[in-house]
C-alpha atoms as a PDB file:
ATOM      1  CA  UNK A   1      79.101 -99.969  67.665  1.00  0.00           C
ATOM      2  CA  UNK A   2      75.615-102.106  68.056  1.00  0.00           C
ATOM      3  CA  UNK A   3      73.740-100.118  70.917  1.00  0.00           C
ATOM      4  CA  UNK A   4      70.567-101.807  71.016  1.00  0.00           C
ATOM      5  CA  UNK A   5      68.996-105.408  71.131  1.00  0.00           C
ATOM      6  CA  UNK A   6      67.235-105.990  68.424  1.00  0.00           C
ATOM      7  CA  UNK A   7      65.741-109.875  68.103  1.00  0.00           C
ATOM      8  CA  UNK A   8      63.514-110.880  65.152  1.00  0.00           C
ATOM      9  CA  UNK A   9      59.883-110.422  66.263  1.00  0.00           C
ATOM     10  CA  UNK A  10      59.613-114.286  66.892  1.00  0.00           C
ATOM     11  CA  UNK A  11      63.260-114.846  69.328  1.00  0.00           C
ATOM     12  CA  UNK A  12      61.635-111.570  71.835  1.00  0.00           C
ATOM     13  CA  UNK A  13      59.619-113.910  73.996  1.00  0.00           C
ATOM     14  CA  UNK A  14      61.823-113.496  77.418  1.00  0.00           C
ATOM     15  CA  UNK A  15      60.977-117.136  78.721  1.00  0.00           C
ATOM     16  CA  UNK A  16      62.255-118.587  75.109  1.00  0.00           C
ATOM     17  CA  UNK A  17      65.593-116.098  75.829  1.00  0.00           C
ATOM     18  CA  UNK A  18      66.561-116.987  79.075  1.00  0.00           C
ATOM     19  CA  UNK A  19      65.163-120.448  78.480  1.00  0.00           C
ATOM     20  CA  UNK A  20      67.560-121.359  75.116  1.00  0.00           C
ATOM     21  CA  UNK A  21      70.331-119.065  76.737  1.00  0.00           C
ATOM     22  CA  UNK A  22      71.081-122.020  78.923  1.00  0.00           C
ATOM     23  CA  UNK A  23      70.390-124.810  76.231  1.00  0.00           C
ATOM     24  CA  UNK A  24      73.291-127.254  75.148  1.00  0.00           C
ATOM     25  CA  UNK A  25      71.980-125.854  71.538  1.00  0.00           C
ATOM     26  CA  UNK A  26      74.481-122.625  71.784  1.00  0.00           C
ATOM     27  CA  UNK A  27      77.619-124.652  72.252  1.00  0.00           C
ATOM     28  CA  UNK A  28      77.247-128.026  69.817  1.00  0.00           C
ATOM     29  CA  UNK A  29      80.483-128.035  67.793  1.00  0.00           C
ATOM     30  CA  UNK A  30      84.643-127.418  68.406  1.00  0.00           C
ATOM     31  CA  UNK A  31      85.154-125.385  71.284  1.00  0.00           C
ATOM     32  CA  UNK A  32      88.946-124.761  71.286  1.00  0.00           C
ATOM     33  CA  UNK A  33      88.753-123.467  75.010  1.00  0.00           C
ATOM     34  CA  UNK A  34      87.529-126.661  76.195  1.00  0.00           C
ATOM     35  CA  UNK A  35      90.015-128.542  74.580  1.00  0.00           C
ATOM     36  CA  UNK A  36      92.927-126.291  76.154  1.00  0.00           C
ATOM     37  CA  UNK A  37      91.641-125.904  79.498  1.00  0.00           C
ATOM     38  CA  UNK A  38      93.119-127.591  83.273  1.00  0.00           C
ATOM     39  CA  UNK A  39      91.163-127.589  86.115  1.00  0.00           C
ATOM     40  CA  UNK A  40      93.273-125.476  88.560  1.00  0.00           C
ATOM     41  CA  UNK A  41      92.258-125.219  92.470  1.00  0.00           C
ATOM     42  CA  UNK A  42      92.969-121.444  93.312  1.00  0.00           C
ATOM     43  CA  UNK A  43      93.376-120.313  96.814  1.00  0.00           C
ATOM     44  CA  UNK A  44      90.125-117.884  98.302  1.00  0.00           C
ATOM     45  CA  UNK A  45      92.034-117.584 101.500  1.00  0.00           C
ATOM     46  CA  UNK A  46      91.357-118.744 105.635  1.00  0.00           C
ATOM     47  CA  UNK A  47      91.609-122.058 104.036  1.00  0.00           C
ATOM     48  CA  UNK A  48      89.091-121.929 101.335  1.00  0.00           C
ATOM     49  CA  UNK A  49      89.562-123.611  97.692  1.00  0.00           C
ATOM     50  CA  UNK A  50      87.599-122.734  94.925  1.00  0.00           C
ATOM     51  CA  UNK A  51      87.578-125.249  91.155  1.00  0.00           C
ATOM     52  CA  UNK A  52      88.461-123.150  88.051  1.00  0.00           C
ATOM     53  CA  UNK A  53      89.560-124.024  84.880  1.00  0.00           C
ATOM     54  CA  UNK A  54      91.868-121.804  82.743  1.00  0.00           C
ATOM     55  CA  UNK A  55      92.292-121.929  79.104  1.00  0.00           C
ATOM     56  CA  UNK A  56      95.574-120.591  77.711  1.00  0.00           C
ATOM     57  CA  UNK A  57      96.234-119.567  74.381  1.00  0.00           C
ATOM     58  CA  UNK A  58      98.302-122.026  72.620  1.00  0.00           C
ATOM     59  CA  UNK A  59      99.336-120.591  69.172  1.00  0.00           C
ATOM     60  CA  UNK A  60      99.886-116.806  70.597  1.00  0.00           C
ATOM     61  CA  UNK A  61     100.435-114.298  73.194  1.00  0.00           C
ATOM     62  CA  UNK A  62      97.256-114.062  75.348  1.00  0.00           C
ATOM     63  CA  UNK A  63      95.645-110.099  74.412  1.00  0.00           C
ATOM     64  CA  UNK A  64      94.789-110.598  78.255  1.00  0.00           C
ATOM     65  CA  UNK A  65      92.899-112.766  80.489  1.00  0.00           C
ATOM     66  CA  UNK A  66      88.964-113.087  81.427  1.00  0.00           C
ATOM     67  CA  UNK A  67      87.531-114.953  84.227  1.00  0.00           C
ATOM     68  CA  UNK A  68      83.892-115.648  83.630  1.00  0.00           C
ATOM     69  CA  UNK A  69      81.204-116.179  86.926  1.00  0.00           C
ATOM     70  CA  UNK A  70      78.741-117.912  86.512  1.00  0.00           C
ATOM     71  CA  UNK A  71      74.862-117.554  88.050  1.00  0.00           C
ATOM     72  CA  UNK A  72      73.535-119.627  90.770  1.00  0.00           C
ATOM     73  CA  UNK A  73      73.794-123.335  90.659  1.00  0.00           C
ATOM     74  CA  UNK A  74      75.328-123.222  87.845  1.00  0.00           C
ATOM     75  CA  UNK A  75      78.610-123.938  86.640  1.00  0.00           C
ATOM     76  CA  UNK A  76      82.130-123.358  84.670  1.00  0.00           C
ATOM     77  CA  UNK A  77      80.671-125.982  82.051  1.00  0.00           C
ATOM     78  CA  UNK A  78      77.105-123.666  82.324  1.00  0.00           C
ATOM     79  CA  UNK A  79      76.119-123.090  78.810  1.00  0.00           C
ATOM     80  CA  UNK A  80      76.632-119.231  78.590  1.00  0.00           C
ATOM     81  CA  UNK A  81      80.493-119.791  80.262  1.00  0.00           C
ATOM     82  CA  UNK A  82      80.975-122.597  77.405  1.00  0.00           C
ATOM     83  CA  UNK A  83      79.759-119.792  74.648  1.00  0.00           C
ATOM     84  CA  UNK A  84      80.769-116.766  75.610  1.00  0.00           C
ATOM     85  CA  UNK A  85      84.517-118.789  76.908  1.00  0.00           C
ATOM     86  CA  UNK A  86      84.863-120.068  73.376  1.00  0.00           C
ATOM     87  CA  UNK A  87      83.997-116.142  72.252  1.00  0.00           C
ATOM     88  CA  UNK A  88      86.613-114.923  74.000  1.00  0.00           C
ATOM     89  CA  UNK A  89      89.545-117.370  73.494  1.00  0.00           C
ATOM     90  CA  UNK A  90      88.711-116.866  69.763  1.00  0.00           C
ATOM     91  CA  UNK A  91      89.421-113.905  70.053  1.00  0.00           C
ATOM     92  CA  UNK A  92      92.636-114.406  71.670  1.00  0.00           C
ATOM     93  CA  UNK A  93      92.461-114.543  75.087  1.00  0.00           C
ATOM     94  CA  UNK A  94      93.381-116.157  77.986  1.00  0.00           C
ATOM     95  CA  UNK A  95      89.598-117.793  80.130  1.00  0.00           C
ATOM     96  CA  UNK A  96      89.680-118.498  83.237  1.00  0.00           C
ATOM     97  CA  UNK A  97      85.720-120.083  84.463  1.00  0.00           C
ATOM     98  CA  UNK A  98      85.874-119.818  88.088  1.00  0.00           C
ATOM     99  CA  UNK A  99      83.568-121.885  89.828  1.00  0.00           C
ATOM    100  CA  UNK A 100      81.840-120.501  93.203  1.00  0.00           C
ATOM    101  CA  UNK A 101      82.230-122.968  96.180  1.00  0.00           C
ATOM    102  CA  UNK A 102      79.517-125.802  96.084  1.00  0.00           C
ATOM    103  CA  UNK A 103      79.402-125.322  93.059  1.00  0.00           C
ATOM    104  CA  UNK A 104      80.368-127.413  89.889  1.00  0.00           C
ATOM    105  CA  UNK A 105      82.817-130.937  91.041  1.00  0.00           C
ATOM    106  CA  UNK A 106      83.379-128.847  94.007  1.00  0.00           C
ATOM    107  CA  UNK A 107      81.626-129.805  96.759  1.00  0.00           C
ATOM    108  CA  UNK A 108      84.280-131.710  98.708  1.00  0.00           C
ATOM    109  CA  UNK A 109      86.905-128.817  98.891  1.00  0.00           C
ATOM    110  CA  UNK A 110      85.021-126.884 101.787  1.00  0.00           C
ATOM    111  CA  UNK A 111      83.362-127.877 104.644  1.00  0.00           C
ATOM    112  CA  UNK A 112      80.977-124.373 105.325  1.00  0.00           C
ATOM    113  CA  UNK A 113      78.208-124.573 102.929  1.00  0.00           C
ATOM    114  CA  UNK A 114      77.891-121.518  99.781  1.00  0.00           C
ATOM    115  CA  UNK A 115      75.919-118.604 100.479  1.00  0.00           C
ATOM    116  CA  UNK A 116      75.598-115.565  98.426  1.00  0.00           C
ATOM    117  CA  UNK A 117      77.541-113.460 100.733  1.00  0.00           C
ATOM    118  CA  UNK A 118      80.908-115.217 100.321  1.00  0.00           C
ATOM    119  CA  UNK A 119      82.580-112.254  98.896  1.00  0.00           C
ATOM    120  CA  UNK A 120      86.092-112.309 100.139  1.00  0.00           C
ATOM    121  CA  UNK A 121      86.962-116.014  99.271  1.00  0.00           C
ATOM    122  CA  UNK A 122      85.637-115.036  95.898  1.00  0.00           C
ATOM    123  CA  UNK A 123      87.337-112.081  95.591  1.00  0.00           C
ATOM    124  CA  UNK A 124      90.451-113.628  97.125  1.00  0.00           C
ATOM    125  CA  UNK A 125      90.142-116.379  94.159  1.00  0.00           C
ATOM    126  CA  UNK A 126      89.831-113.440  91.436  1.00  0.00           C
ATOM    127  CA  UNK A 127      93.362-111.239  92.345  1.00  0.00           C
ATOM    128  CA  UNK A 128      95.244-114.728  92.855  1.00  0.00           C
ATOM    129  CA  UNK A 129      93.743-115.675  89.183  1.00  0.00           C
ATOM    130  CA  UNK A 130      94.667-112.035  87.687  1.00  0.00           C
ATOM    131  CA  UNK A 131      97.994-112.794  88.791  1.00  0.00           C
ATOM    132  CA  UNK A 132      98.356-115.929  86.129  1.00  0.00           C
ATOM    133  CA  UNK A 133      98.571-112.824  83.648  1.00  0.00           C
ATOM    134  CA  UNK A 134     100.730-109.852  85.537  1.00  0.00           C
ATOM    135  CA  UNK A 135     101.098-108.108  82.665  1.00  0.00           C
ATOM    136  CA  UNK A 136      98.007-108.260  80.495  1.00  0.00           C
ATOM    137  CA  UNK A 137      94.958-106.799  80.943  1.00  0.00           C
ATOM    138  CA  UNK A 138      92.739-108.385  83.468  1.00  0.00           C
ATOM    139  CA  UNK A 139      88.730-108.718  82.592  1.00  0.00           C
ATOM    140  CA  UNK A 140      85.989-110.082  84.663  1.00  0.00           C
ATOM    141  CA  UNK A 141      82.595-110.616  83.452  1.00  0.00           C
ATOM    142  CA  UNK A 142      79.298-111.901  85.571  1.00  0.00           C
ATOM    143  CA  UNK A 143      75.670-114.084  85.029  1.00  0.00           C
ATOM    144  CA  UNK A 144      73.591-113.446  87.586  1.00  0.00           C
ATOM    145  CA  UNK A 145      74.417-114.378  90.964  1.00  0.00           C
ATOM    146  CA  UNK A 146      78.092-114.360  89.452  1.00  0.00           C
ATOM    147  CA  UNK A 147      76.959-110.516  88.277  1.00  0.00           C
ATOM    148  CA  UNK A 148      76.241-109.661  91.916  1.00  0.00           C
ATOM    149  CA  UNK A 149      79.653-110.929  92.951  1.00  0.00           C
ATOM    150  CA  UNK A 150      81.543-109.467  90.400  1.00  0.00           C
ATOM    151  CA  UNK A 151      80.111-106.158  91.187  1.00  0.00           C
ATOM    152  CA  UNK A 152      80.685-106.571  94.514  1.00  0.00           C
ATOM    153  CA  UNK A 153      84.498-106.832  93.367  1.00  0.00           C
ATOM    154  CA  UNK A 154      85.039-104.498  91.482  1.00  0.00           C
ATOM    155  CA  UNK A 155      83.658-102.095  94.594  1.00  0.00           C
ATOM    156  CA  UNK A 156      86.605-103.707  96.907  1.00  0.00           C
ATOM    157  CA  UNK A 157      89.173-101.842  93.576  1.00  0.00           C
ATOM    158  CA  UNK A 158      89.207 -98.626  95.552  1.00  0.00           C
ATOM    159  CA  UNK A 159      90.704-100.400  98.759  1.00  0.00           C
ATOM    160  CA  UNK A 160      91.682-103.740  97.722  1.00  0.00           C
ATOM    161  CA  UNK A 161      93.272-103.721  94.029  1.00  0.00           C
ATOM    162  CA  UNK A 162      93.623-106.116  91.478  1.00  0.00           C
ATOM    163  CA  UNK A 163      96.502-104.074  89.731  1.00  0.00           C
ATOM    164  CA  UNK A 164      95.255-105.717  85.927  1.00  0.00           C
ATOM    165  CA  UNK A 165      91.710-105.743  87.108  1.00  0.00           C
ATOM    166  CA  UNK A 166      90.623-103.248  84.300  1.00  0.00           C
ATOM    167  CA  UNK A 167      86.872-103.531  83.956  1.00  0.00           C
ATOM    168  CA  UNK A 168      83.846-105.456  85.036  1.00  0.00           C
ATOM    169  CA  UNK A 169      81.256-106.884  82.927  1.00  0.00           C
ATOM    170  CA  UNK A 170      77.208-107.806  84.008  1.00  0.00           C
ATOM    171  CA  UNK A 171      74.846-110.027  82.736  1.00  0.00           C
ATOM    172  CA  UNK A 172      71.334-109.330  84.383  1.00  0.00           C
ATOM    173  CA  UNK A 173      73.212-109.135  87.758  1.00  0.00           C
ATOM    174  CA  UNK A 174      70.533-110.263  90.908  1.00  0.00           C
ATOM    175  CA  UNK A 175      70.815-106.952  92.725  1.00  0.00           C
ATOM    176  CA  UNK A 176      68.396-108.038  95.288  1.00  0.00           C
ATOM    177  CA  UNK A 177      68.068-111.412  96.044  1.00  0.00           C
ATOM    178  CA  UNK A 178      65.072-110.961  98.000  1.00  0.00           C
ATOM    179  CA  UNK A 179      63.212-110.274  95.464  1.00  0.00           C
ATOM    180  CA  UNK A 180      64.692-112.472  92.412  1.00  0.00           C
ATOM    181  CA  UNK A 181      63.954-115.119  95.127  1.00  0.00           C
ATOM    182  CA  UNK A 182      60.519-114.061  95.577  1.00  0.00           C
ATOM    183  CA  UNK A 183      60.325-113.625  91.714  1.00  0.00           C
ATOM    184  CA  UNK A 184      61.342-117.388  91.164  1.00  0.00           C
ATOM    185  CA  UNK A 185      58.845-119.035  93.085  1.00  0.00           C
ATOM    186  CA  UNK A 186      56.021-116.394  91.422  1.00  0.00           C
ATOM    187  CA  UNK A 187      56.855-116.746  88.262  1.00  0.00           C
ATOM    188  CA  UNK A 188      56.907-119.088  85.286  1.00  0.00           C
ATOM    189  CA  UNK A 189      57.311-122.652  87.085  1.00  0.00           C
ATOM    190  CA  UNK A 190      59.705-123.849  85.031  1.00  0.00           C
ATOM    191  CA  UNK A 191      62.109-121.311  87.049  1.00  0.00           C
ATOM    192  CA  UNK A 192      61.310-122.910  90.385  1.00  0.00           C
ATOM    193  CA  UNK A 193      61.218-126.028  89.586  1.00  0.00           C
ATOM    194  CA  UNK A 194      64.673-126.287  87.989  1.00  0.00           C
ATOM    195  CA  UNK A 195      66.197-124.278  90.334  1.00  0.00           C
ATOM    196  CA  UNK A 196      64.837-126.494  93.312  1.00  0.00           C
ATOM    197  CA  UNK A 197      66.058-129.514  91.493  1.00  0.00           C
ATOM    198  CA  UNK A 198      69.324-127.978  90.943  1.00  0.00           C
ATOM    199  CA  UNK A 199      69.580-126.831  94.730  1.00  0.00           C
ATOM    200  CA  UNK A 200      68.391-129.731  95.835  1.00  0.00           C
ATOM    201  CA  UNK A 201      71.548-132.158  94.261  1.00  0.00           C
ATOM    202  CA  UNK A 202      73.695-129.690  95.649  1.00  0.00           C
ATOM    203  CA  UNK A 203      72.971-129.719  99.597  1.00  0.00           C
ATOM    204  CA  UNK A 204      72.702-133.892  98.314  1.00  0.00           C
ATOM    205  CA  UNK A 205      75.915-134.108  97.194  1.00  0.00           C
ATOM    206  CA  UNK A 206      77.545-131.627 100.438  1.00  0.00           C
ATOM    207  CA  UNK A 207      75.940-134.002 102.343  1.00  0.00           C
ATOM    208  CA  UNK A 208      77.184-137.035 100.504  1.00  0.00           C
ATOM    209  CA  UNK A 209      80.574-135.354 101.436  1.00  0.00           C
ATOM    210  CA  UNK A 210      80.536-134.689 104.913  1.00  0.00           C
ATOM    211  CA  UNK A 211      77.984-136.714 106.623  1.00  0.00           C
ATOM    212  CA  UNK A 212      79.121-135.794 110.305  1.00  0.00           C
ATOM    213  CA  UNK A 213      78.277-132.519 109.485  1.00  0.00           C
ATOM    214  CA  UNK A 214      74.838-132.278 107.399  1.00  0.00           C
ATOM    215  CA  UNK A 215      71.718-134.184 107.432  1.00  0.00           C
ATOM    216  CA  UNK A 216      69.486-131.953 104.477  1.00  0.00           C
ATOM    217  CA  UNK A 217      66.657-135.085 104.211  1.00  0.00           C
ATOM    218  CA  UNK A 218      64.659-133.180 107.083  1.00  0.00           C
ATOM    219  CA  UNK A 219      64.012-130.013 104.704  1.00  0.00           C
ATOM    220  CA  UNK A 220      64.211-131.552 101.250  1.00  0.00           C
ATOM    221  CA  UNK A 221      60.431-131.259 101.207  1.00  0.00           C
ATOM    222  CA  UNK A 222      59.981-128.182 100.727  1.00  0.00           C
ATOM    223  CA  UNK A 223      58.638-126.507  97.261  1.00  0.00           C
ATOM    224  CA  UNK A 224      60.091-123.272  97.310  1.00  0.00           C
ATOM    225  CA  UNK A 225      62.831-121.337  97.416  1.00  0.00           C
ATOM    226  CA  UNK A 226      61.460-119.442  99.735  1.00  0.00           C
ATOM    227  CA  UNK A 227      60.875-121.974 101.125  1.00  0.00           C
ATOM    228  CA  UNK A 228      64.266-124.139 101.594  1.00  0.00           C
ATOM    229  CA  UNK A 229      65.265-120.547 101.953  1.00  0.00           C
ATOM    230  CA  UNK A 230      63.978-120.093 105.270  1.00  0.00           C
ATOM    231  CA  UNK A 231      64.235-123.968 106.106  1.00  0.00           C
ATOM    232  CA  UNK A 232      68.058-123.734 106.313  1.00  0.00           C
ATOM    233  CA  UNK A 233      69.341-120.838 107.687  1.00  0.00           C
ATOM    234  CA  UNK A 234      69.899-122.753 111.073  1.00  0.00           C
ATOM    235  CA  UNK A 235      72.543-124.466 108.965  1.00  0.00           C
ATOM    236  CA  UNK A 236      74.392-120.615 109.222  1.00  0.00           C
ATOM    237  CA  UNK A 237      74.477-119.471 112.460  1.00  0.00           C
ATOM    238  CA  UNK A 238      76.003-116.002 111.750  1.00  0.00           C
ATOM    239  CA  UNK A 239      72.530-115.083 110.599  1.00  0.00           C
ATOM    240  CA  UNK A 240      69.707-113.987 112.918  1.00  0.00           C
ATOM    241  CA  UNK A 241      67.651-114.405 109.854  1.00  0.00           C
ATOM    242  CA  UNK A 242      66.966-114.681 106.368  1.00  0.00           C
ATOM    243  CA  UNK A 243      66.419-111.150 105.681  1.00  0.00           C
ATOM    244  CA  UNK A 244      69.442-110.713 107.639  1.00  0.00           C
ATOM    245  CA  UNK A 245      71.568-113.223 105.027  1.00  0.00           C
ATOM    246  CA  UNK A 246      69.911-111.642 101.771  1.00  0.00           C
ATOM    247  CA  UNK A 247      70.754-107.488 102.664  1.00  0.00           C
ATOM    248  CA  UNK A 248      74.574-108.392 103.011  1.00  0.00           C
ATOM    249  CA  UNK A 249      74.531-109.237  99.431  1.00  0.00           C
ATOM    250  CA  UNK A 250      72.012-106.699  97.939  1.00  0.00           C
ATOM    251  CA  UNK A 251      73.030-103.723  96.168  1.00  0.00           C
ATOM    252  CA  UNK A 252      70.278-101.662  95.356  1.00  0.00           C
ATOM    253  CA  UNK A 253      69.809 -97.941  95.832  1.00  0.00           C
ATOM    254  CA  UNK A 254      73.430 -96.528  96.129  1.00  0.00           C
ATOM    255  CA  UNK A 255      75.611 -99.242  97.197  1.00  0.00           C
ATOM    256  CA  UNK A 256      77.289 -99.010  93.816  1.00  0.00           C
ATOM    257  CA  UNK A 257      77.892 -95.309  94.268  1.00  0.00           C
ATOM    258  CA  UNK A 258      80.886 -96.089  95.192  1.00  0.00           C
ATOM    259  CA  UNK A 259      82.549 -97.279  91.965  1.00  0.00           C
ATOM    260  CA  UNK A 260      85.885 -96.445  91.071  1.00  0.00           C
ATOM    261  CA  UNK A 261      86.546 -98.390  88.160  1.00  0.00           C
ATOM    262  CA  UNK A 262      84.380 -99.384  84.938  1.00  0.00           C
ATOM    263  CA  UNK A 263      81.481-101.542  85.007  1.00  0.00           C
ATOM    264  CA  UNK A 264      78.882-102.452  82.860  1.00  0.00           C
ATOM    265  CA  UNK A 265      75.492-103.967  82.849  1.00  0.00           C
ATOM    266  CA  UNK A 266      73.579-105.390  80.715  1.00  0.00           C
ATOM    267  CA  UNK A 267      70.017-105.957  81.733  1.00  0.00           C
ATOM    268  CA  UNK A 268      66.651-106.063  80.123  1.00  0.00           C
ATOM    269  CA  UNK A 269      63.461-105.189  81.150  1.00  0.00           C
ATOM    270  CA  UNK A 270      61.480-108.555  81.214  1.00  0.00           C
ATOM    271  CA  UNK A 271      63.403-110.486  82.676  1.00  0.00           C
ATOM    272  CA  UNK A 272      61.413-112.748  84.656  1.00  0.00           C
ATOM    273  CA  UNK A 273      64.030-112.851  87.354  1.00  0.00           C
ATOM    274  CA  UNK A 274      65.411-109.710  88.010  1.00  0.00           C
ATOM    275  CA  UNK A 275      63.079-106.302  88.114  1.00  0.00           C
ATOM    276  CA  UNK A 276      64.003-104.018  86.073  1.00  0.00           C
ATOM    277  CA  UNK A 277      63.139-101.354  89.056  1.00  0.00           C
ATOM    278  CA  UNK A 278      66.202-102.246  90.770  1.00  0.00           C
ATOM    279  CA  UNK A 279      68.674-101.330  87.567  1.00  0.00           C
ATOM    280  CA  UNK A 280      66.261 -97.943  87.102  1.00  0.00           C
ATOM    281  CA  UNK A 281      66.605 -97.126  90.857  1.00  0.00           C
ATOM    282  CA  UNK A 282      70.437 -96.913  90.693  1.00  0.00           C
ATOM    283  CA  UNK A 283      72.704 -94.358  91.930  1.00  0.00           C
ATOM    284  CA  UNK A 284      74.030 -92.377  89.444  1.00  0.00           C
ATOM    285  CA  UNK A 285      77.576 -92.561  89.014  1.00  0.00           C
ATOM    286  CA  UNK A 286      80.493 -91.802  86.501  1.00  0.00           C
ATOM    287  CA  UNK A 287      81.839 -95.093  86.031  1.00  0.00           C
ATOM    288  CA  UNK A 288      78.761 -97.566  85.602  1.00  0.00           C
ATOM    289  CA  UNK A 289      76.890 -97.828  82.506  1.00  0.00           C
ATOM    290  CA  UNK A 290      73.783 -99.793  82.524  1.00  0.00           C
ATOM    291  CA  UNK A 291      72.167-101.026  78.828  1.00  0.00           C
ATOM    292  CA  UNK A 292      69.040-101.922  79.885  1.00  0.00           C
ATOM    293  CA  UNK A 293      67.395-103.131  76.712  1.00  0.00           C
ATOM    294  CA  UNK A 294      63.544-103.973  75.883  1.00  0.00           C
ATOM    295  CA  UNK A 295      63.963-107.835  75.632  1.00  0.00           C
ATOM    296  CA  UNK A 296      66.777-110.574  75.938  1.00  0.00           C
ATOM    297  CA  UNK A 297      65.064-111.649  79.299  1.00  0.00           C
ATOM    298  CA  UNK A 298      67.154-113.482  82.287  1.00  0.00           C
ATOM    299  CA  UNK A 299      70.996-114.485  80.653  1.00  0.00           C
ATOM    300  CA  UNK A 300      69.591-114.565  77.059  1.00  0.00           C
ATOM    301  CA  UNK A 301      70.031-111.467  74.495  1.00  0.00           C
ATOM    302  CA  UNK A 302      70.190-114.441  71.940  1.00  0.00           C
ATOM    303  CA  UNK A 303      70.577-112.916  68.352  1.00  0.00           C
ATOM    304  CA  UNK A 304      70.693-114.533  65.757  1.00  0.00           C
ATOM    305  CA  UNK A 305      68.504-116.752  67.532  1.00  0.00           C
ATOM    306  CA  UNK A 306      69.601-119.290  69.057  1.00  0.00           C
ATOM    307  CA  UNK A 307      73.205-119.282  68.841  1.00  0.00           C
ATOM    308  CA  UNK A 308      74.220-116.241  68.889  1.00  0.00           C
ATOM    309  CA  UNK A 309      74.896-113.418  71.480  1.00  0.00           C
ATOM    310  CA  UNK A 310      74.319-109.883  71.629  1.00  0.00           C
ATOM    311  CA  UNK A 311      76.021-109.229  74.420  1.00  0.00           C
ATOM    312  CA  UNK A 312      79.139-110.968  73.590  1.00  0.00           C
ATOM    313  CA  UNK A 313      79.618-109.097  70.204  1.00  0.00           C
ATOM    314  CA  UNK A 314      78.924-105.796  72.358  1.00  0.00           C
ATOM    315  CA  UNK A 315      81.460-106.547  74.928  1.00  0.00           C
ATOM    316  CA  UNK A 316      84.451-108.021  72.503  1.00  0.00           C
ATOM    317  CA  UNK A 317      83.834-104.981  70.848  1.00  0.00           C
ATOM    318  CA  UNK A 318      84.554-102.276  74.139  1.00  0.00           C
ATOM    319  CA  UNK A 319      87.722-104.305  74.448  1.00  0.00           C
ATOM    320  CA  UNK A 320      88.633-103.829  71.207  1.00  0.00           C
ATOM    321  CA  UNK A 321      88.690-100.412  71.421  1.00  0.00           C
ATOM    322  CA  UNK A 322      90.082-100.425  74.886  1.00  0.00           C
ATOM    323  CA  UNK A 323      93.324-102.250  73.036  1.00  0.00           C
ATOM    324  CA  UNK A 324      93.381 -99.298  70.425  1.00  0.00           C
ATOM    325  CA  UNK A 325      93.859 -96.301  73.245  1.00  0.00           C
END
């Protein structure tokens, strides 16, 4: 099993790893998973509806089902989702790519806005998806903010279990959303521009779907993620302050101590979005494995660069070992 991420010296730059991790170059060529995909609306409970894509194995019984959760302002069609989905579809798994609320083409499905603390509806949707293949193992893989959601779903297994959910994998999960927001604003400018452009586009789409409820034009002049976060808080009457909101899905310190199912985190010390100390300061837990690498950027880990993917191979090896038991 390859334990360390060791890209060529010229491919170690964290921004190179991060940016190329989301470029379509990674998924050029045939994608059997996409060819087999069928759109599906999943019940998130209390009237919530989430959009996803289900790819069933066409020629053989599936080994299991893998659910993929994208990052903030990503979607079921993000490059890293398409790459990981294709990799595991080719290895014999059914794949379900789930959009979080207001991501992908799903703004019309729910009147209420997305926010990062929507654990309940996402966990309910994952549970519904796992039942599509109830007699086979289910695995959950989350990226960045999707990794944060995946960790919260793993924590729920002790009191609201998904029977066939066997293991959770998280790629560069955001543990402290406040710190990550500040890092995006203060870091390499391309990240701030990227996220702000996508977030504003999403808010405009939501406003178009529900013009009677949302009037974002007056706040879209903000040029930082933190500025827009503060400005949008009046639309979230359940939160007193943006720091109260961030605290609802902050997973640092001993928050993950109650984990009672296997979880693997893949992260890097050169991540430009998630501070490495957040991983180092997590409380010890026998179910939690943290693979903290020197390089990799944020959801990158490309080797051979730019189309090979280290964490896909690592997860694949882990699943192979489980099947052999």
